[in-house]
PDB file of N, CA and C in Angstrom:
ATOM      1  N   MET A   1      -8.324  -2.508  27.879  1.00  0.00           N
ATOM      2  CA  MET A   1      -7.356  -2.027  26.526  1.00  0.00           C
ATOM      3  C   MET A   1      -7.115  -1.042  26.271  1.00  0.00           C
ATOM      4  N   ASP A   2      -5.586  -0.048  25.574  1.00  0.00           N
ATOM      5  CA  ASP A   2      -4.749   0.959  25.677  1.00  0.00           C
ATOM      6  C   ASP A   2      -5.347   1.536  24.200  1.00  0.00           C
ATOM      7  N   VAL A   3      -6.598   2.397  24.362  1.00  0.00           N
ATOM      8  CA  VAL A   3      -7.058   3.759  23.425  1.00  0.00           C
ATOM      9  C   VAL A   3      -5.677   4.174  22.766  1.00  0.00           C
ATOM     10  N   ASP A   4      -5.074   4.721  23.148  1.00  0.00           N
ATOM     11  CA  ASP A   4      -4.085   5.511  23.088  1.00  0.00           C
ATOM     12  C   ASP A   4      -3.393   4.898  21.374  1.00  0.00           C
ATOM     13  N   GLN A   5      -3.423   3.247  21.511  1.00  0.00           N
ATOM     14  CA  GLN A   5      -2.835   2.774  20.062  1.00  0.00           C
ATOM     15  C   GLN A   5      -3.008   2.979  19.498  1.00  0.00           C
ATOM     16  N   TYR A   6      -4.869   3.514  19.446  1.00  0.00           N
ATOM     17  CA  TYR A   6      -5.034   3.491  18.424  1.00  0.00           C
ATOM     18  C   TYR A   6      -5.104   5.191  17.881  1.00  0.00           C
ATOM     19  N   ASN A   7      -4.432   6.171  18.229  1.00  0.00           N
ATOM     20  CA  ASN A   7      -3.852   7.482  17.945  1.00  0.00           C
ATOM     21  C   ASN A   7      -3.604   7.257  16.723  1.00  0.00           C
ATOM     22  N   ARG A   8      -3.810   7.850  15.483  1.00  0.00           N
ATOM     23  CA  ARG A   8      -2.864   8.496  14.601  1.00  0.00           C
ATOM     24  C   ARG A   8      -2.868   9.697  13.853  1.00  0.00           C
ATOM     25  N   THR A   9      -1.891   9.947  13.388  1.00  0.00           N
ATOM     26  CA  THR A   9      -1.617  10.953  12.443  1.00  0.00           C
ATOM     27  C   THR A   9      -1.873  11.311  11.118  1.00  0.00           C
ATOM     28  N   ILE A  10      -2.838  12.309  10.558  1.00  0.00           N
ATOM     29  CA  ILE A  10      -3.370  11.884   8.687  1.00  0.00           C
ATOM     30  C   ILE A  10      -1.879  12.770   8.021  1.00  0.00           C
ATOM     31  N   THR A  11      -1.742  12.671   7.226  1.00  0.00           N
ATOM     32  CA  THR A  11      -1.058  13.671   7.040  1.00  0.00           C
ATOM     33  C   THR A  11      -1.616  14.350   5.876  1.00  0.00           C
ATOM     34  N   LEU A  12      -2.233  15.208   5.708  1.00  0.00           N
ATOM     35  CA  LEU A  12      -2.664  15.907   4.753  1.00  0.00           C
ATOM     36  C   LEU A  12      -2.535  16.636   3.262  1.00  0.00           C
ATOM     37  N   LEU A  13      -3.006  15.826   2.328  1.00  0.00           N
ATOM     38  CA  LEU A  13      -1.842  16.399   0.815  1.00  0.00           C
ATOM     39  C   LEU A  13      -2.768  17.489   0.188  1.00  0.00           C
ATOM     40  N   CYS A  14      -2.219  18.460  -0.029  1.00  0.00           N
ATOM     41  CA  CYS A  14      -2.418  19.521  -1.463  1.00  0.00           C
ATOM     42  C   CYS A  14      -3.193  18.583  -2.800  1.00  0.00           C
ATOM     43  N   PRO A  15      -4.811  18.778  -2.843  1.00  0.00           N
ATOM     44  CA  PRO A  15      -4.572  18.419  -3.903  1.00  0.00           C
ATOM     45  C   PRO A  15      -4.543  18.300  -5.298  1.00  0.00           C
ATOM     46  N   THR A  16      -3.282  19.259  -5.568  1.00  0.00           N
ATOM     47  CA  THR A  16      -2.936  19.988  -6.506  1.00  0.00           C
ATOM     48  C   THR A  16      -1.695  19.504  -7.167  1.00  0.00           C
ATOM     49  N   CYS A  17      -1.064  19.641  -5.871  1.00  0.00           N
ATOM     50  CA  CYS A  17       0.275  18.589  -6.289  1.00  0.00           C
ATOM     51  C   CYS A  17       0.393  17.806  -5.198  1.00  0.00           C
ATOM     52  N   GLY A  18       0.553  17.598  -4.554  1.00  0.00           N
ATOM     53  CA  GLY A  18      -0.042  15.699  -3.295  1.00  0.00           C
ATOM     54  C   GLY A  18       2.219  16.619  -1.847  1.00  0.00           C
ATOM     55  N   SER A  19       2.063  18.185  -1.909  1.00  0.00           N
ATOM     56  CA  SER A  19       2.834  18.071  -1.000  1.00  0.00           C
ATOM     57  C   SER A  19       1.468  18.716   0.622  1.00  0.00           C
ATOM     58  N   ASP A  20       3.286  18.475   1.629  1.00  0.00           N
ATOM     59  CA  ASP A  20       2.005  18.658   2.476  1.00  0.00           C
ATOM     60  C   ASP A  20       2.731  19.613   4.048  1.00  0.00           C
ATOM     61  N   GLN A  21       2.898  20.754   3.402  1.00  0.00           N
ATOM     62  CA  GLN A  21       3.447  21.999   3.200  1.00  0.00           C
ATOM     63  C   GLN A  21       3.259  22.559   3.735  1.00  0.00           C
ATOM     64  N   PHE A  22       2.059  23.346   4.352  1.00  0.00           N
ATOM     65  CA  PHE A  22       1.203  24.415   4.103  1.00  0.00           C
ATOM     66  C   PHE A  22       1.947  25.790   4.963  1.00  0.00           C
ATOM     67  N   SER A  23       0.757  27.103   5.067  1.00  0.00           N
ATOM     68  CA  SER A  23       1.465  27.845   5.633  1.00  0.00           C
ATOM     69  C   SER A  23      -0.441  28.278   5.589  1.00  0.00           C
ATOM     70  N   LYS A  24      -0.507  29.120   7.324  1.00  0.00           N
ATOM     71  CA  LYS A  24      -2.093  29.697   7.564  1.00  0.00           C
ATOM     72  C   LYS A  24      -2.283  31.329   7.577  1.00  0.00           C
ATOM     73  N   GLN A  25      -2.971  32.135   7.035  1.00  0.00           N
ATOM     74  CA  GLN A  25      -2.386  33.332   6.573  1.00  0.00           C
ATOM     75  C   GLN A  25      -3.512  33.870   7.880  1.00  0.00           C
ATOM     76  N   GLU A  26      -2.595  34.593   8.482  1.00  0.00           N
ATOM     77  CA  GLU A  26      -4.005  35.461   9.527  1.00  0.00           C
ATOM     78  C   GLU A  26      -4.931  35.574   9.152  1.00  0.00           C
ATOM     79  N   ALA A  27      -6.208  35.780   9.526  1.00  0.00           N
ATOM     80  CA  ALA A  27      -7.741  36.259   8.568  1.00  0.00           C
ATOM     81  C   ALA A  27      -8.336  37.189  10.640  1.00  0.00           C
ATOM     82  N   ALA A  28      -8.920  38.361   9.683  1.00  0.00           N
ATOM     83  CA  ALA A  28      -9.505  39.014  10.604  1.00  0.00           C
ATOM     84  C   ALA A  28     -10.933  38.845  11.022  1.00  0.00           C
ATOM     85  N   GLU A  29     -10.902  38.271  12.199  1.00  0.00           N
ATOM     86  CA  GLU A  29     -11.889  37.065  13.374  1.00  0.00           C
ATOM     87  C   GLU A  29     -13.342  38.042  12.133  1.00  0.00           C
ATOM     88  N   GLY A  30     -13.671  36.789  12.550  1.00  0.00           N
ATOM     89  CA  GLY A  30     -14.509  36.488  11.522  1.00  0.00           C
ATOM     90  C   GLY A  30     -14.622  35.949  10.444  1.00  0.00           C
ATOM     91  N   ALA A  31     -13.335  36.144   9.761  1.00  0.00           N
ATOM     92  CA  ALA A  31     -13.396  35.555   8.449  1.00  0.00           C
ATOM     93  C   ALA A  31     -12.332  34.499   8.024  1.00  0.00           C
ATOM     94  N   VAL A  32     -12.877  33.688   6.955  1.00  0.00           N
ATOM     95  CA  VAL A  32     -12.714  32.801   6.673  1.00  0.00           C
ATOM     96  C   VAL A  32     -10.979  32.195   6.814  1.00  0.00           C
ATOM     97  N   GLN A  33     -10.263  31.687   7.582  1.00  0.00           N
ATOM     98  CA  GLN A  33      -8.658  31.410   7.401  1.00  0.00           C
ATOM     99  C   GLN A  33      -8.061  30.538   6.151  1.00  0.00           C
ATOM    100  N   LEU A  34      -7.931  31.414   5.203  1.00  0.00           N
ATOM    101  CA  LEU A  34      -6.565  29.950   3.874  1.00  0.00           C
ATOM    102  C   LEU A  34      -5.744  29.257   4.666  1.00  0.00           C
ATOM    103  N   ILE A  35      -5.416  28.165   4.197  1.00  0.00           N
ATOM    104  CA  ILE A  35      -3.984  27.791   4.054  1.00  0.00           C
ATOM    105  C   ILE A  35      -3.680  27.527   2.608  1.00  0.00           C
ATOM    106  N   THR A  36      -2.204  27.575   2.771  1.00  0.00           N
ATOM    107  CA  THR A  36      -1.962  28.346   0.784  1.00  0.00           C
ATOM    108  C   THR A  36      -0.972  26.566   1.410  1.00  0.00           C
ATOM    109  N   CYS A  37      -0.550  25.779   0.001  1.00  0.00           N
ATOM    110  CA  CYS A  37       0.506  25.171  -0.282  1.00  0.00           C
ATOM    111  C   CYS A  37       1.777  25.754   0.126  1.00  0.00           C
ATOM    112  N   ALA A  38       2.481  25.534   0.615  1.00  0.00           N
ATOM    113  CA  ALA A  38       3.587  26.473   0.529  1.00  0.00           C
ATOM    114  C   ALA A  38       4.841  25.938  -1.141  1.00  0.00           C
ATOM    115  N   GLN A  39       3.919  24.963  -1.812  1.00  0.00           N
ATOM    116  CA  GLN A  39       4.716  24.718  -2.732  1.00  0.00           C
ATOM    117  C   GLN A  39       4.185  24.959  -4.289  1.00  0.00           C
ATOM    118  N   CYS A  40       2.712  25.096  -4.830  1.00  0.00           N
ATOM    119  CA  CYS A  40       1.612  25.398  -5.927  1.00  0.00           C
ATOM    120  C   CYS A  40       1.289  26.588  -4.978  1.00  0.00           C
ATOM    121  N   GLY A  41       0.797  27.625  -4.087  1.00  0.00           N
ATOM    122  CA  GLY A  41       0.577  27.993  -3.491  1.00  0.00           C
ATOM    123  C   GLY A  41      -1.248  27.922  -3.732  1.00  0.00           C
ATOM    124  N   ARG A  42      -1.777  26.905  -3.437  1.00  0.00           N
ATOM    125  CA  ARG A  42      -2.973  26.762  -3.787  1.00  0.00           C
ATOM    126  C   ARG A  42      -3.285  26.869  -2.628  1.00  0.00           C
ATOM    127  N   GLU A  43      -4.499  28.348  -2.201  1.00  0.00           N
ATOM    128  CA  GLU A  43      -5.182  28.508  -1.356  1.00  0.00           C
ATOM    129  C   GLU A  43      -6.532  27.711  -1.366  1.00  0.00           C
ATOM    130  N   MET A  44      -6.489  27.718  -0.122  1.00  0.00           N
ATOM    131  CA  MET A  44      -7.759  26.843   0.377  1.00  0.00           C
ATOM    132  C   MET A  44      -8.086  26.673   1.353  1.00  0.00           C
ATOM    133  N   THR A  45      -9.694  26.450   2.416  1.00  0.00           N
ATOM    134  CA  THR A  45     -10.328  26.797   3.411  1.00  0.00           C
ATOM    135  C   THR A  45      -9.338  24.898   4.298  1.00  0.00           C
ATOM    136  N   ASN A  46      -9.819  25.591   4.945  1.00  0.00           N
ATOM    137  CA  ASN A  46      -8.675  23.973   6.179  1.00  0.00           C
ATOM    138  C   ASN A  46      -9.598  22.296   6.416  1.00  0.00           C
ATOM    139  N   ASP A  47     -11.447  23.703   5.514  1.00  0.00           N
ATOM    140  CA  ASP A  47     -12.590  22.567   5.550  1.00  0.00           C
ATOM    141  C   ASP A  47     -12.221  21.875   4.171  1.00  0.00           C
ATOM    142  N   ASP A  48     -12.039  23.289   3.301  1.00  0.00           N
ATOM    143  CA  ASP A  48     -11.970  22.163   2.046  1.00  0.00           C
ATOM    144  C   ASP A  48     -10.510  20.943   1.434  1.00  0.00           C
ATOM    145  N   LEU A  49      -9.574  21.528   2.524  1.00  0.00           N
ATOM    146  CA  LEU A  49      -8.179  20.395   2.362  1.00  0.00           C
ATOM    147  C   LEU A  49      -8.895  19.117   3.441  1.00  0.00           C
ATOM    148  N   ILE A  50      -9.627  18.643   4.060  1.00  0.00           N
ATOM    149  CA  ILE A  50     -10.111  18.344   5.327  1.00  0.00           C
ATOM    150  C   ILE A  50     -11.470  16.871   3.352  1.00  0.00           C
ATOM    151  N   GLN A  51     -12.226  17.764   3.415  1.00  0.00           N
ATOM    152  CA  GLN A  51     -12.635  16.868   2.601  1.00  0.00           C
ATOM    153  C   GLN A  51     -12.060  16.685   0.754  1.00  0.00           C
ATOM    154  N   GLU A  52     -10.952  17.312   0.560  1.00  0.00           N
ATOM    155  CA  GLU A  52     -10.242  16.924  -0.269  1.00  0.00           C
ATOM    156  C   GLU A  52      -9.107  15.828   0.338  1.00  0.00           C
ATOM    157  N   ASN A  53      -9.040  15.375   0.813  1.00  0.00           N
ATOM    158  CA  ASN A  53      -7.764  14.119   1.538  1.00  0.00           C
ATOM    159  C   ASN A  53      -9.637  13.032   2.230  1.00  0.00           C
ATOM    160  N   ASN A  54     -10.590  13.062   1.638  1.00  0.00           N
ATOM    161  CA  ASN A  54     -11.779  12.342   2.682  1.00  0.00           C
ATOM    162  C   ASN A  54     -11.333  11.145   2.845  1.00  0.00           C
ATOM    163  N   GLU A  55     -11.323  11.703   1.118  1.00  0.00           N
ATOM    164  CA  GLU A  55     -10.484   9.001   0.761  1.00  0.00           C
ATOM    165  C   GLU A  55      -9.633   8.787   2.203  1.00  0.00           C
ATOM    166  N   SER A  56      -8.346   9.309   1.954  1.00  0.00           N
ATOM    167  CA  SER A  56      -7.405   8.960   2.827  1.00  0.00           C
ATOM    168  C   SER A  56      -7.848   8.653   4.045  1.00  0.00           C
ATOM    169  N   ILE A  57      -8.397  10.213   4.958  1.00  0.00           N
ATOM    170  CA  ILE A  57      -8.937   9.467   5.609  1.00  0.00           C
ATOM    171  C   ILE A  57      -9.590   8.679   6.367  1.00  0.00           C
ATOM    172  N   THR A  58     -11.068   8.696   5.115  1.00  0.00           N
ATOM    173  CA  THR A  58     -11.658   7.772   5.329  1.00  0.00           C
ATOM    174  C   THR A  58     -10.521   5.965   5.772  1.00  0.00           C
ATOM    175  N   ALA A  59     -10.156   5.931   4.608  1.00  0.00           N
ATOM    176  CA  ALA A  59      -9.226   4.949   4.836  1.00  0.00           C
ATOM    177  C   ALA A  59      -8.466   4.469   5.922  1.00  0.00           C
ATOM    178  N   HIS A  60      -7.982   5.809   6.660  1.00  0.00           N
ATOM    179  CA  HIS A  60      -6.974   5.857   8.105  1.00  0.00           C
ATOM    180  C   HIS A  60      -8.592   4.913   8.875  1.00  0.00           C
ATOM    181  N   VAL A  61      -9.359   5.341   9.292  1.00  0.00           N
ATOM    182  CA  VAL A  61     -10.429   5.185  10.148  1.00  0.00           C
ATOM    183  C   VAL A  61     -11.051   3.932   9.412  1.00  0.00           C
ATOM    184  N   GLU A  62     -10.939   2.893   8.304  1.00  0.00           N
ATOM    185  CA  GLU A  62     -11.024   1.520   8.321  1.00  0.00           C
ATOM    186  C   GLU A  62     -10.121   0.763   8.241  1.00  0.00           C
ATOM    187  N   GLU A  63      -8.703   1.511   9.006  1.00  0.00           N
ATOM    188  CA  GLU A  63      -7.951   1.401   9.310  1.00  0.00           C
ATOM    189  C   GLU A  63      -7.844   0.367  11.040  1.00  0.00           C
ATOM    190  N   VAL A  64      -8.446   1.705  11.520  1.00  0.00           N
ATOM    191  CA  VAL A  64      -8.386   1.769  13.185  1.00  0.00           C
ATOM    192  C   VAL A  64      -9.602   0.577  13.380  1.00  0.00           C
ATOM    193  N   LYS A  65     -10.340   1.561  12.586  1.00  0.00           N
ATOM    194  CA  LYS A  65     -11.226   0.089  12.945  1.00  0.00           C
ATOM    195  C   LYS A  65     -11.281  -1.148  13.341  1.00  0.00           C
ATOM    196  N   ALA A  66     -10.898  -1.335  12.402  1.00  0.00           N
ATOM    197  CA  ALA A  66     -10.214  -3.298  11.814  1.00  0.00           C
ATOM    198  C   ALA A  66      -9.185  -3.613  13.210  1.00  0.00           C
ATOM    199  N   GLU A  67      -8.802  -3.182  13.101  1.00  0.00           N
ATOM    200  CA  GLU A  67      -7.806  -2.971  13.971  1.00  0.00           C
ATOM    201  C   GLU A  67      -8.397  -3.294  15.512  1.00  0.00           C
ATOM    202  N   ILE A  68      -9.023  -2.403  16.265  1.00  0.00           N
ATOM    203  CA  ILE A  68      -9.780  -2.539  16.818  1.00  0.00           C
ATOM    204  C   ILE A  68     -10.586  -4.056  17.058  1.00  0.00           C
ATOM    205  N   VAL A  69     -12.042  -4.147  15.914  1.00  0.00           N
ATOM    206  CA  VAL A  69     -12.535  -5.393  16.524  1.00  0.00           C
ATOM    207  C   VAL A  69     -11.388  -6.370  16.469  1.00  0.00           C
ATOM    208  N   ASP A  70     -10.363  -6.532  15.797  1.00  0.00           N
ATOM    209  CA  ASP A  70      -9.169  -7.326  15.773  1.00  0.00           C
ATOM    210  C   ASP A  70      -8.786  -7.897  17.605  1.00  0.00           C
ATOM    211  N   ASP A  71      -8.809  -6.592  17.503  1.00  0.00           N
ATOM    212  CA  ASP A  71      -8.468  -6.598  19.576  1.00  0.00           C
ATOM    213  C   ASP A  71      -9.425  -6.916  20.255  1.00  0.00           C
ATOM    214  N   ILE A  72     -10.478  -7.020  19.987  1.00  0.00           N
ATOM    215  CA  ILE A  72     -11.722  -6.915  20.547  1.00  0.00           C
ATOM    216  C   ILE A  72     -11.907  -8.845  20.779  1.00  0.00           C
ATOM    217  N   ARG A  73     -11.685  -9.204  19.116  1.00  0.00           N
ATOM    218  CA  ARG A  73     -11.620 -10.603  19.423  1.00  0.00           C
ATOM    219  C   ARG A  73     -11.263 -11.519  20.228  1.00  0.00           C
ATOM    220  N   LYS A  74      -9.687 -10.152  20.214  1.00  0.00           N
ATOM    221  CA  LYS A  74      -8.545 -11.916  20.845  1.00  0.00           C
ATOM    222  C   LYS A  74      -9.158 -11.130  21.745  1.00  0.00           C
ATOM    223  N   GLN A  75      -8.841 -10.388  22.793  1.00  0.00           N
ATOM    224  CA  GLN A  75     -10.178  -9.790  23.850  1.00  0.00           C
ATOM    225  C   GLN A  75     -10.363 -10.742  24.179  1.00  0.00           C
ATOM    226  N   PHE A  76     -11.785 -11.230  23.672  1.00  0.00           N
ATOM    227  CA  PHE A  76     -13.075 -11.781  24.068  1.00  0.00           C
ATOM    228  C   PHE A  76     -12.428 -13.842  23.736  1.00  0.00           C
ATOM    229  N   ALA A  77     -11.654 -13.813  22.659  1.00  0.00           N
ATOM    230  CA  ALA A  77     -11.043 -15.314  22.701  1.00  0.00           C
ATOM    231  C   ALA A  77     -10.311 -15.704  24.602  1.00  0.00           C
ATOM    232  N   ARG A  78      -8.956 -14.211  24.879  1.00  0.00           N
ATOM    233  CA  ARG A  78      -9.149 -14.728  25.630  1.00  0.00           C
ATOM    234  C   ARG A  78      -9.722 -14.749  27.377  1.00  0.00           C
ATOM    235  N   MET A  79     -10.362 -14.212  26.952  1.00  0.00           N
ATOM    236  CA  MET A  79     -11.769 -14.515  28.231  1.00  0.00           C
ATOM    237  C   MET A  79     -12.427 -15.466  28.055  1.00  0.00           C
ATOM    238  N   PHE A  80     -12.364 -15.959  27.113  1.00  0.00           N
ATOM    239  CA  PHE A  80     -13.486 -17.198  27.028  1.00  0.00           C
ATOM    240  C   PHE A  80     -12.606 -18.978  27.581  1.00  0.00           C
ATOM    241  N   LYS A  81     -11.612 -18.334  27.248  1.00  0.00           N
ATOM    242  CA  LYS A  81     -10.651 -19.785  27.578  1.00  0.00           C
ATOM    243  C   LYS A  81     -10.313 -19.477  29.376  1.00  0.00           C
ATOM    244  N   LYS A  82     -10.723 -18.509  30.169  1.00  0.00           N
ATOM    245  CA  LYS A  82     -10.265 -18.176  31.619  1.00  0.00           C
ATOM    246  C   LYS A  82     -11.258 -19.849  31.937  1.00  0.00           C
TER     247      LYS A  82
END
């Protein structure tokens, strides 16, 4: 099974305006690095951005899981036909 076929890139969107363009500000060592939306200027941490996109991330994970289960079923069906 080629596991690379299940790799996905998930575009994270600004929870305020929906933009996918962000910039990272340099942070002092030990400080929290902020991400700024290029369109609306909202600042948030990387963790906050991920949390705000949790629904989209979960949907992608479920999609990949369904593909994996379907591919495994097909593989077993081929094995047992032999």
